[in-house]
Protein backbone atom coordinates (compact mmCIF):
# COMPACT_ATOMS: atom_id res chain seq x y z
CA MET A 1 -11.72 11.13 36.22
CA SER A 2 -9.60 13.67 34.20
CA GLU A 3 -10.32 17.40 33.97
CA ASN A 4 -11.86 16.82 30.49
CA SER A 5 -14.55 14.67 32.11
CA GLN A 6 -16.72 17.30 33.23
CA LEU A 7 -18.86 17.59 30.24
CA LEU A 8 -22.32 19.20 29.66
CA PRO A 9 -25.21 16.63 29.27
CA MET A 10 -26.24 16.48 25.62
CA CYS A 11 -29.90 15.96 26.76
CA ALA A 12 -31.97 15.37 29.89
CA PRO A 13 -29.89 13.91 32.85
CA VAL A 14 -29.64 10.24 32.90
CA SER A 15 -27.90 7.73 34.77
CA TYR A 16 -24.65 6.53 33.22
CA ASP A 17 -23.74 3.05 33.84
CA SER A 18 -22.32 2.05 30.60
CA GLY A 19 -18.76 1.75 32.33
CA TYR A 20 -16.83 4.34 30.01
CA ALA A 21 -14.84 6.62 32.17
CA ASP A 22 -12.24 9.76 31.74
CA PRO A 23 -13.48 10.93 28.39
CA VAL A 24 -10.96 13.19 26.60
CA LEU A 25 -12.08 15.15 23.66
CA ILE A 26 -9.57 14.37 20.74
CA ALA A 27 -11.48 15.56 17.57
CA GLU A 28 -14.38 17.86 16.74
CA SER A 29 -16.17 18.50 13.57
CA SER A 30 -19.38 20.33 12.39
CA ILE A 31 -20.99 16.98 12.43
CA SER A 32 -19.33 15.03 15.29
CA ARG A 33 -17.02 14.81 18.46
CA LEU A 34 -14.68 11.80 19.16
CA TYR A 35 -13.66 11.02 22.71
CA LYS A 36 -11.24 8.69 24.02
CA VAL A 37 -12.49 6.57 27.05
CA SER A 38 -11.41 3.84 29.16
CA LYS A 39 -13.38 0.67 30.16
CA ALA A 40 -12.33 -2.39 31.82
CA GLY A 41 -8.56 -1.64 31.15
CA LYS A 42 -8.89 -1.00 27.49
CA TYR A 43 -9.45 2.23 25.40
CA PHE A 44 -12.49 3.01 22.97
CA ILE A 45 -13.53 5.80 21.00
CA LEU A 46 -16.90 7.24 21.45
CA LYS A 47 -18.27 9.09 18.59
CA THR A 48 -21.40 11.42 19.19
CA ALA A 49 -23.24 14.14 17.36
CA CYS A 50 -22.48 17.92 17.53
CA ASP A 51 -25.71 18.59 18.78
CA ASP A 52 -28.91 16.40 19.91
CA SER A 53 -31.01 17.69 16.86
CA GLY A 54 -32.91 14.95 15.07
CA LEU A 55 -30.94 15.48 11.91
CA MET A 56 -27.58 14.81 13.54
CA MET A 57 -28.95 11.98 15.59
CA ALA A 58 -30.28 10.42 12.35
CA MET A 59 -27.10 10.89 10.95
CA MET A 60 -25.13 8.97 13.76
CA ARG A 61 -27.92 6.15 13.50
CA ARG A 62 -27.32 5.98 9.70
CA GLU A 63 -23.28 5.81 10.25
CA TYR A 64 -23.68 2.93 12.74
CA ASP A 65 -26.20 0.95 10.45
CA ILE A 66 -23.77 1.09 7.59
CA SER A 67 -20.41 0.63 9.81
CA ILE A 68 -21.55 -2.29 11.77
CA GLY A 69 -21.78 -4.45 8.72
CA LEU A 70 -18.16 -3.89 7.77
CA ASP A 71 -15.30 -6.45 8.58
CA HIS A 72 -12.03 -5.64 7.20
CA PRO A 73 -8.59 -5.56 8.86
CA HIS A 74 -7.86 -2.16 7.42
CA ILE A 75 -11.21 -0.67 8.42
CA ALA A 76 -11.75 0.47 11.94
CA ASN A 77 -14.31 -1.68 13.87
CA VAL A 78 -17.47 -0.30 15.01
CA PHE A 79 -18.84 -2.35 18.18
CA THR A 80 -22.31 -0.98 19.34
CA PHE A 81 -24.56 2.08 19.76
CA GLU A 82 -25.25 2.87 23.25
CA GLU A 83 -27.69 5.63 24.36
CA ASN A 84 -26.45 6.19 28.06
CA THR A 85 -23.19 7.10 28.22
CA VAL A 86 -20.83 9.66 29.87
CA VAL A 87 -20.95 11.86 26.65
CA GLY A 88 -24.73 10.90 25.52
CA PRO A 89 -25.86 8.66 22.89
CA CYS A 90 -22.75 7.53 20.80
CA ILE A 91 -21.13 4.83 18.42
CA VAL A 92 -18.68 2.79 20.34
CA MET A 93 -15.54 2.16 18.11
CA GLU A 94 -12.25 0.43 18.02
CA TYR A 95 -9.35 3.03 19.31
CA VAL A 96 -6.37 2.80 17.17
CA ASP A 97 -2.91 4.04 18.61
CA GLY A 98 -1.74 5.76 15.51
CA ARG A 99 -1.45 9.05 13.42
CA ASN A 100 -3.14 10.16 10.44
CA LEU A 101 -1.76 9.61 6.82
CA ALA A 102 -0.47 13.34 6.56
CA GLU A 103 1.34 12.88 9.84
CA PHE A 104 2.80 9.42 8.85
CA LEU A 105 4.14 10.84 5.44
CA ARG A 106 5.79 13.67 7.23
CA GLU A 107 8.00 11.02 8.73
CA ASN A 108 9.36 10.27 5.24
CA PRO A 109 8.59 6.65 5.05
CA SER A 110 10.41 4.41 2.47
CA MET A 111 8.94 3.68 -0.90
CA SER A 112 8.11 0.14 -0.08
CA SER A 113 6.12 1.35 3.24
CA ARG A 114 4.35 3.68 1.00
CA ARG A 115 3.52 0.88 -1.59
CA ARG A 116 2.27 -1.13 1.17
CA ILE A 117 0.25 1.62 2.63
CA ALA A 118 -1.25 2.37 -0.86
CA GLY A 119 -2.26 -1.17 -1.29
CA GLN A 120 -4.14 -1.48 1.93
CA LEU A 121 -5.87 1.61 1.64
CA MET A 122 -6.96 0.51 -2.04
CA ASP A 123 -8.04 -3.16 -0.66
CA ALA A 124 -10.21 -1.30 2.02
CA VAL A 125 -11.86 0.92 -0.48
CA GLY A 126 -12.39 -1.88 -2.77
CA TYR A 127 -14.08 -3.75 0.02
CA LEU A 128 -16.41 -0.89 0.62
CA HIS A 129 -17.61 -0.62 -2.98
CA ARG A 130 -18.24 -4.66 -2.99
CA LYS A 131 -20.57 -4.24 -0.06
CA GLY A 132 -22.15 -1.37 -1.88
CA VAL A 133 -20.88 1.55 0.39
CA ILE A 134 -19.49 4.74 -1.10
CA HIS A 135 -17.21 6.43 1.70
CA ASN A 136 -17.61 10.05 0.35
CA ASP A 137 -15.16 11.57 2.48
CA LEU A 138 -11.38 9.84 1.95
CA LYS A 139 -9.06 12.11 3.03
CA PRO A 140 -5.81 11.96 5.11
CA GLU A 141 -7.52 12.82 8.45
CA ASN A 142 -9.71 9.69 8.08
CA ILE A 143 -6.71 7.44 7.37
CA LEU A 144 -4.99 6.17 10.39
CA ILE A 145 -1.71 4.44 10.57
CA SER A 146 -1.20 2.33 13.54
CA ARG A 147 1.93 3.00 15.33
CA THR A 148 2.47 -0.88 16.10
CA ASP A 149 2.86 -2.06 12.50
CA ASN A 150 2.19 1.06 10.23
CA SER A 151 -1.11 -0.69 9.00
CA VAL A 152 -3.99 1.18 7.59
CA LYS A 153 -7.39 1.93 9.48
CA LEU A 154 -9.96 3.57 7.40
CA LEU A 155 -12.51 5.62 9.37
CA ASP A 156 -15.57 7.91 9.41
CA PHE A 157 -18.78 6.84 7.39
CA GLY A 158 -20.94 9.55 8.41
CA LEU A 159 -21.27 10.79 4.94
CA SER A 160 -21.47 7.39 3.25
CA ASP A 161 -23.96 6.49 0.88
CA THR A 162 -25.37 2.76 0.49
CA ASP A 163 -27.72 1.00 -1.73
CA ALA A 164 -30.11 1.13 0.87
CA TYR A 165 -29.45 4.65 2.34
CA TYR A 166 -29.40 7.20 -0.51
CA LEU A 167 -30.86 10.65 0.56
CA ALA A 168 -29.95 14.30 0.50
CA ARG A 169 -26.52 14.84 2.02
CA THR A 170 -25.56 17.54 4.53
CA MET A 171 -22.25 18.58 2.89
CA GLY A 172 -19.51 17.99 5.30
CA CYS A 173 -16.75 16.51 3.10
CA THR A 174 -13.32 17.97 2.48
CA ALA A 175 -13.66 19.90 -0.59
CA GLU A 176 -9.76 19.51 -1.45
CA TYR A 177 -10.26 15.39 -2.02
CA ALA A 178 -13.91 15.78 -3.00
CA SER A 179 -14.91 14.71 -6.59
CA PRO A 180 -16.64 17.56 -8.73
CA GLU A 181 -20.01 15.63 -8.75
CA LEU A 182 -19.89 15.59 -4.89
CA LEU A 183 -19.28 19.10 -4.71
CA ARG A 184 -22.18 19.81 -7.16
CA HIS A 185 -24.57 17.79 -4.96
CA GLU A 186 -25.11 15.30 -7.71
CA SER A 187 -25.68 11.54 -7.42
CA VAL A 188 -22.60 9.73 -6.80
CA ASP A 189 -21.31 6.15 -7.45
CA SER A 190 -18.05 4.59 -6.71
CA ARG A 191 -16.16 6.64 -9.28
CA SER A 192 -16.49 9.48 -6.67
CA ASP A 193 -14.05 7.52 -4.30
CA ILE A 194 -11.96 6.71 -7.09
CA TYR A 195 -11.34 10.66 -7.74
CA SER A 196 -10.57 10.77 -4.04
CA LEU A 197 -8.39 7.84 -4.04
CA GLY A 198 -6.42 9.32 -7.10
CA LEU A 199 -5.44 12.27 -5.03
CA LEU A 200 -4.30 10.15 -2.03
CA LEU A 201 -2.19 8.00 -3.90
CA LYS A 202 -0.60 11.07 -5.18
CA ASP A 203 0.36 11.91 -1.67
CA ILE A 204 1.52 8.59 -1.01
CA LEU A 205 3.40 7.62 -3.94
CA GLY A 206 4.41 10.87 -5.80
CA THR A 207 4.38 11.42 -9.54
CA ARG A 208 5.75 8.35 -10.62
CA TYR A 209 2.21 7.00 -11.21
CA SER A 210 0.97 10.36 -12.84
CA ARG A 211 -0.74 8.84 -15.74
CA ILE A 212 -2.78 6.46 -13.30
CA ILE A 213 -3.58 9.20 -11.11
CA LYS A 214 -4.57 11.60 -14.01
CA ARG A 215 -7.31 8.88 -15.00
CA CYS A 216 -8.47 8.40 -11.33
CA THR A 217 -9.10 12.20 -11.12
CA GLU A 218 -10.57 13.00 -14.62
CA GLN A 219 -13.40 15.78 -14.15
CA ASN A 220 -15.70 13.27 -16.24
CA ARG A 221 -16.46 10.31 -13.95
CA ASP A 222 -16.86 8.39 -17.17
CA ASP A 223 -13.20 8.75 -18.18
CA ARG A 224 -12.08 7.28 -14.58
CA TYR A 225 -11.48 3.77 -13.72
CA ALA A 226 -14.68 1.71 -13.11
CA ASP A 227 -13.60 0.51 -9.88
CA VAL A 228 -10.60 -0.08 -7.58
CA ASP A 229 -9.47 -3.29 -9.22
CA GLN A 230 -8.75 -1.56 -12.15
CA VAL A 231 -6.56 0.78 -10.38
CA ILE A 232 -4.84 -2.04 -8.53
CA LYS A 233 -4.20 -3.57 -12.02
CA ALA A 234 -2.93 -0.52 -13.46
CA ILE A 235 -0.31 0.12 -10.79
CA SER A 236 0.80 -3.46 -10.72
CA HIS A 237 1.39 -3.24 -14.61
CA ARG A 238 2.98 0.05 -14.05
CA TYR A 239 5.89 -1.32 -12.00
CA ARG A 240 5.58 -5.09 -11.66
CA PRO A 241 6.50 -4.61 -7.98
CA VAL A 242 10.22 -4.54 -7.54
CA TYR A 243 11.32 -6.89 -10.06
CA ALA A 244 10.68 -5.00 -13.22
CA ALA A 245 12.20 -1.77 -12.12
CA LEU A 246 15.26 -3.86 -10.60
CA ALA A 247 15.65 -5.78 -14.02
CA VAL A 248 15.91 -2.49 -15.95
CA ALA A 249 18.22 -0.95 -13.44
CA CYS A 250 20.43 -3.79 -13.57
CA LEU A 251 20.62 -4.05 -17.10
CA VAL A 252 21.54 -0.29 -17.39
CA PHE A 253 24.06 -0.80 -14.64
CA LEU A 254 25.75 -3.53 -16.38
CA ILE A 255 25.80 -1.58 -19.63
CA TRP A 256 27.19 1.19 -17.58
CA MET A 257 29.92 -0.88 -16.14
CA ALA A 258 30.74 -2.31 -19.50
CA GLY A 259 31.76 1.11 -20.76
CA ASN A 260 33.82 1.75 -17.64
CA VAL A 261 35.53 -1.44 -17.98
CA VAL A 262 36.74 -0.54 -21.53
CA ASP A 263 37.73 2.86 -20.42
CA GLU A 264 39.77 1.51 -17.71
CA ILE A 265 41.42 -1.31 -19.46
CA SER A 266 42.54 0.76 -22.61
CA GLU A 267 44.56 2.84 -20.15
CA PHE A 268 46.97 -0.04 -19.45
CA ARG A 269 46.74 -2.78 -21.89
CA GLU A 270 46.22 -2.89 -25.61
CA PHE A 271 45.35 -6.39 -26.58
CA LYS A 272 45.02 -7.49 -30.13
CA THR A 273 44.41 -11.14 -30.64
CA ALA A 274 44.01 -13.79 -33.44
CA GLU A 275 40.66 -15.30 -34.31
CA LYS A 276 41.46 -18.52 -32.53
CA GLU A 277 42.53 -16.42 -29.32
CA ARG A 278 39.42 -14.20 -29.47
CA GLN A 279 37.20 -17.41 -29.59
CA GLU A 280 39.16 -19.03 -26.50
CA LEU A 281 38.40 -15.57 -24.74
CA CYS A 282 34.66 -15.45 -25.57
CA ASP A 283 34.34 -19.03 -24.51
CA SER A 284 35.77 -18.50 -21.37
CA VAL A 285 33.74 -15.45 -20.71
CA TYR A 286 30.86 -17.12 -21.75
CA ALA A 287 31.19 -20.01 -19.63
CA ALA A 288 31.86 -17.73 -16.54
CA ILE A 289 28.55 -15.92 -17.43
CA ASP A 290 26.63 -19.21 -17.53
CA SER A 291 28.05 -20.55 -14.27
CA GLN A 292 27.34 -17.18 -12.24
CA VAL A 293 23.69 -16.61 -13.75
CA HIS A 294 22.83 -19.99 -13.09
CA ALA A 295 24.06 -20.20 -9.62
CA ILE A 296 21.93 -17.26 -8.85
CA TYR A 297 18.67 -18.15 -10.26
CA VAL A 298 19.05 -21.84 -9.43
CA GLY A 299 19.73 -20.95 -5.87
CA LEU A 300 16.90 -18.44 -5.98
CA GLU A 301 14.52 -21.17 -7.42
CA GLU A 302 15.35 -23.46 -4.37
CA ARG A 303 14.74 -20.81 -2.01
CA LEU A 304 11.25 -20.24 -3.66
CA LYS A 305 10.31 -23.69 -2.96
CA SER A 306 9.94 -23.07 0.49
CA ILE A 307 8.15 -19.64 0.15
CA PRO A 308 4.12 -19.83 -0.02
CA TYR A 309 3.35 -16.25 -0.99
CA MET A 310 4.11 -14.12 -3.83
CA GLU A 311 5.16 -11.13 -1.96
CA PHE A 312 8.03 -12.82 -0.20
CA GLY A 313 8.91 -14.47 -3.69
CA PHE A 314 9.10 -10.93 -5.24
CA GLN A 315 11.21 -9.82 -2.08
CA GLU A 316 13.59 -13.01 -2.55
CA MET A 317 14.11 -12.14 -6.25
CA ALA A 318 15.00 -8.57 -5.54
CA THR A 319 17.84 -9.70 -3.11
CA ALA A 320 18.97 -12.40 -5.50
CA MET A 321 19.20 -9.72 -8.50
CA LYS A 322 21.65 -7.66 -6.33
CA ARG A 323 23.97 -9.99 -7.14
CA LEU A 324 23.96 -9.57 -10.86
CA PRO A 325 26.63 -6.85 -11.36
CA ALA A 326 29.37 -9.14 -9.90
CA ILE A 327 29.06 -11.19 -12.90
CA TRP A 328 31.10 -8.73 -14.56
CA ASP A 329 34.12 -9.44 -12.28
CA SER A 330 34.64 -12.54 -14.23
CA PHE A 331 35.55 -10.63 -17.39
CA GLN A 332 35.90 -6.84 -16.91
CA ASP A 333 40.00 -7.40 -17.49
CA ALA A 334 39.49 -9.49 -20.09
CA THR A 335 39.68 -7.14 -23.21
CA SER A 336 39.38 -3.61 -24.37
CA ASP A 337 37.49 -4.59 -27.46
CA GLN A 338 34.28 -2.89 -27.73
CA GLN A 339 32.70 -5.20 -30.04
CA LEU A 340 33.47 -8.05 -27.60
CA ILE A 341 32.09 -6.20 -24.54
CA SER A 342 28.95 -5.54 -26.28
CA GLY A 343 28.67 -9.37 -27.15
CA PHE A 344 29.11 -10.10 -23.59
CA VAL A 345 26.35 -7.66 -22.53
CA SER A 346 24.10 -9.21 -24.93
CA TYR A 347 24.82 -12.57 -24.15
CA CYS A 348 24.35 -12.04 -20.36
CA THR A 349 21.22 -10.51 -21.01
CA THR A 350 19.79 -13.09 -23.06
CA ILE A 351 20.73 -15.83 -20.57
CA GLN A 352 19.37 -13.69 -17.68
CA GLN A 353 16.15 -13.04 -19.38
CA GLN A 354 15.41 -16.94 -19.99
CA TYR A 355 15.84 -17.60 -16.14
CA TYR A 356 14.08 -14.40 -15.41
CA GLU A 357 10.98 -15.42 -17.12
CA ARG A 358 10.84 -18.76 -15.57
CA VAL A 359 11.22 -17.39 -12.43
CA ILE A 360 8.60 -14.75 -12.66
CA LYS A 361 5.99 -17.50 -13.71
CA THR A 362 6.88 -19.39 -10.52
CA ILE A 363 6.42 -16.43 -8.22
CA GLU A 364 3.31 -15.23 -10.07
CA ALA A 365 1.59 -18.54 -9.47
CA LYS A 366 1.98 -18.23 -5.80
CA PRO A 367 -0.99 -16.56 -3.78
CA SER A 368 -1.15 -13.29 -2.35
CA TYR A 369 -0.98 -13.50 1.59
CA ALA A 370 -3.17 -10.19 1.71
CA ARG A 371 -5.83 -11.95 -0.24
CA SER A 372 -5.60 -15.67 1.28
CA GLY A 373 -8.01 -15.23 4.16
CA LEU A 374 -5.45 -15.20 6.75
CA SER A 375 -6.11 -13.87 10.19
CA LEU A 376 -5.44 -10.17 11.00
CA GLU A 377 -2.50 -11.37 13.26
CA GLU A 378 -0.93 -13.38 10.55
CA ILE A 379 -1.27 -10.42 7.88
CA GLN A 380 0.14 -7.83 10.32
CA PHE A 381 3.06 -10.31 11.14
CA TYR A 382 3.81 -10.86 7.17
CA ASN A 383 3.21 -7.05 6.67
CA GLY A 384 5.99 -6.33 9.13
CA LEU A 385 8.48 -8.71 7.49
CA ILE A 386 7.82 -6.97 4.06
CA ALA A 387 8.31 -3.66 5.70
CA LYS A 388 11.52 -4.60 7.24
CA GLU A 389 12.51 -6.33 3.83
CA GLU A 390 13.07 -9.62 5.86
CA THR A 391 12.93 -13.09 4.16
CA TYR A 392 9.95 -15.03 4.71
CA ARG A 393 9.44 -17.23 7.86
CA PRO A 394 5.83 -18.84 8.91
CA PHE A 395 3.80 -17.20 11.30
CA LYS A 396 3.74 -18.79 14.89
C-alpha cells in the first residue's frame, strides 16, 4: 500500500473486505473527498463525505440515488454505494484518466476540438434535464476531458436537484459559475444550468458567440433560453458547422483574388477587344468555370453517397471547397477589364450556389452519429476521426 493508504477511520473500526486498495487522495472540498483506488487490476474513484455527520451522509446517499439512474457517454458512471471500504462509506465511480476543462483549454486546442467539446457538454446537460436533474454546479473542475480521445465526462451531482429531491441546499456551488437565483438561495430550474452553461461556452468558444452567451447569462431567468436544445439550435444557426463560414470566406477570397488579378494584369497587358472578341473571351471563361465547379461538386456528391453521417458530410464539403480558389487560374490572365472580372465573379458565385444548396440538402438529410444510438466505442471512434479532420471510414 502507498503512504497515503494510512487513513484515519471515518467511524468505528470495521473489517474492510471490499477489495479496494492503495487509496490516494486526489481532491477534497468542504463536502467530499475523492480517492483513487485499485481493485482487480483496475482503477476506481471512491467519493466519501468530508465527515460522518448525518447531513453529509444523507447528501452522499442522495447523490448516489440521483447518479445511479444516469446512463450517458459523457457523464461519469456511478457503480455502487459501499459501506465498508478502506475509506469508509462511499460512492464507487468510474475512474477517468484526464484533466479538467480549464487544464484542457490551457493546451490551446483547435477550434474544431473546442466545438466538439462544447457539443458533448451540451448533449450531457440536455440529457440531465430530460431526466429531471438540475446539476447546480457546472464549472470547469466538474468537467473532465479524457486523455484517450479528448471526450467530455461530466462529474459531481452532490448539489443536484431532481423532481423527486428538492430540499434546502447546503451552498457548495462555485459562485463564479452559479446563477443569480442559486446564489440568492431561490428555487431553481433548468435555466439555472443554462446560465452556468453560457459561461462555460464563453470559456470554450470565446467571444464569437457573444449574442448566444449573453442570452444564456441574462440576470432574469425568463430572458434566457428555455432549454439546452434551444442553445444548440442557436449555435447551429449561428455558424452552420464549417460550411457556411467557409462559403463566405471563399467568396471573399475569390473577390479579393479578382482585384489582384486586375492589378497584376494591368501592369503588363493592355487589352481592348471588339464585341465579338469579348463574347468569345466570356464564353471561354464561363465554360472553364462551369467545368471546374461541376467537377468539384459532382465529385463531392459521389463521395457523399458512401458517407452515412452528417458530420462527415460537412467535413468532406469543407475539404472540397478548399479547391474553389483554383477556379480563378482558368481566367486570371484573360483580361484587365474590371467589368468582365466582376461578371466572372458573379457568374461563378451563381453557379456555385446552385450546387451548394443541393449538396447542403443532401448532407442535412443524413443522421448525426452523435444521436444515432451508437455504442460508446463507435462514438469515440468517430469523434477521433472528426478531431483529426480525417475522412469517414466505418467502425470495425
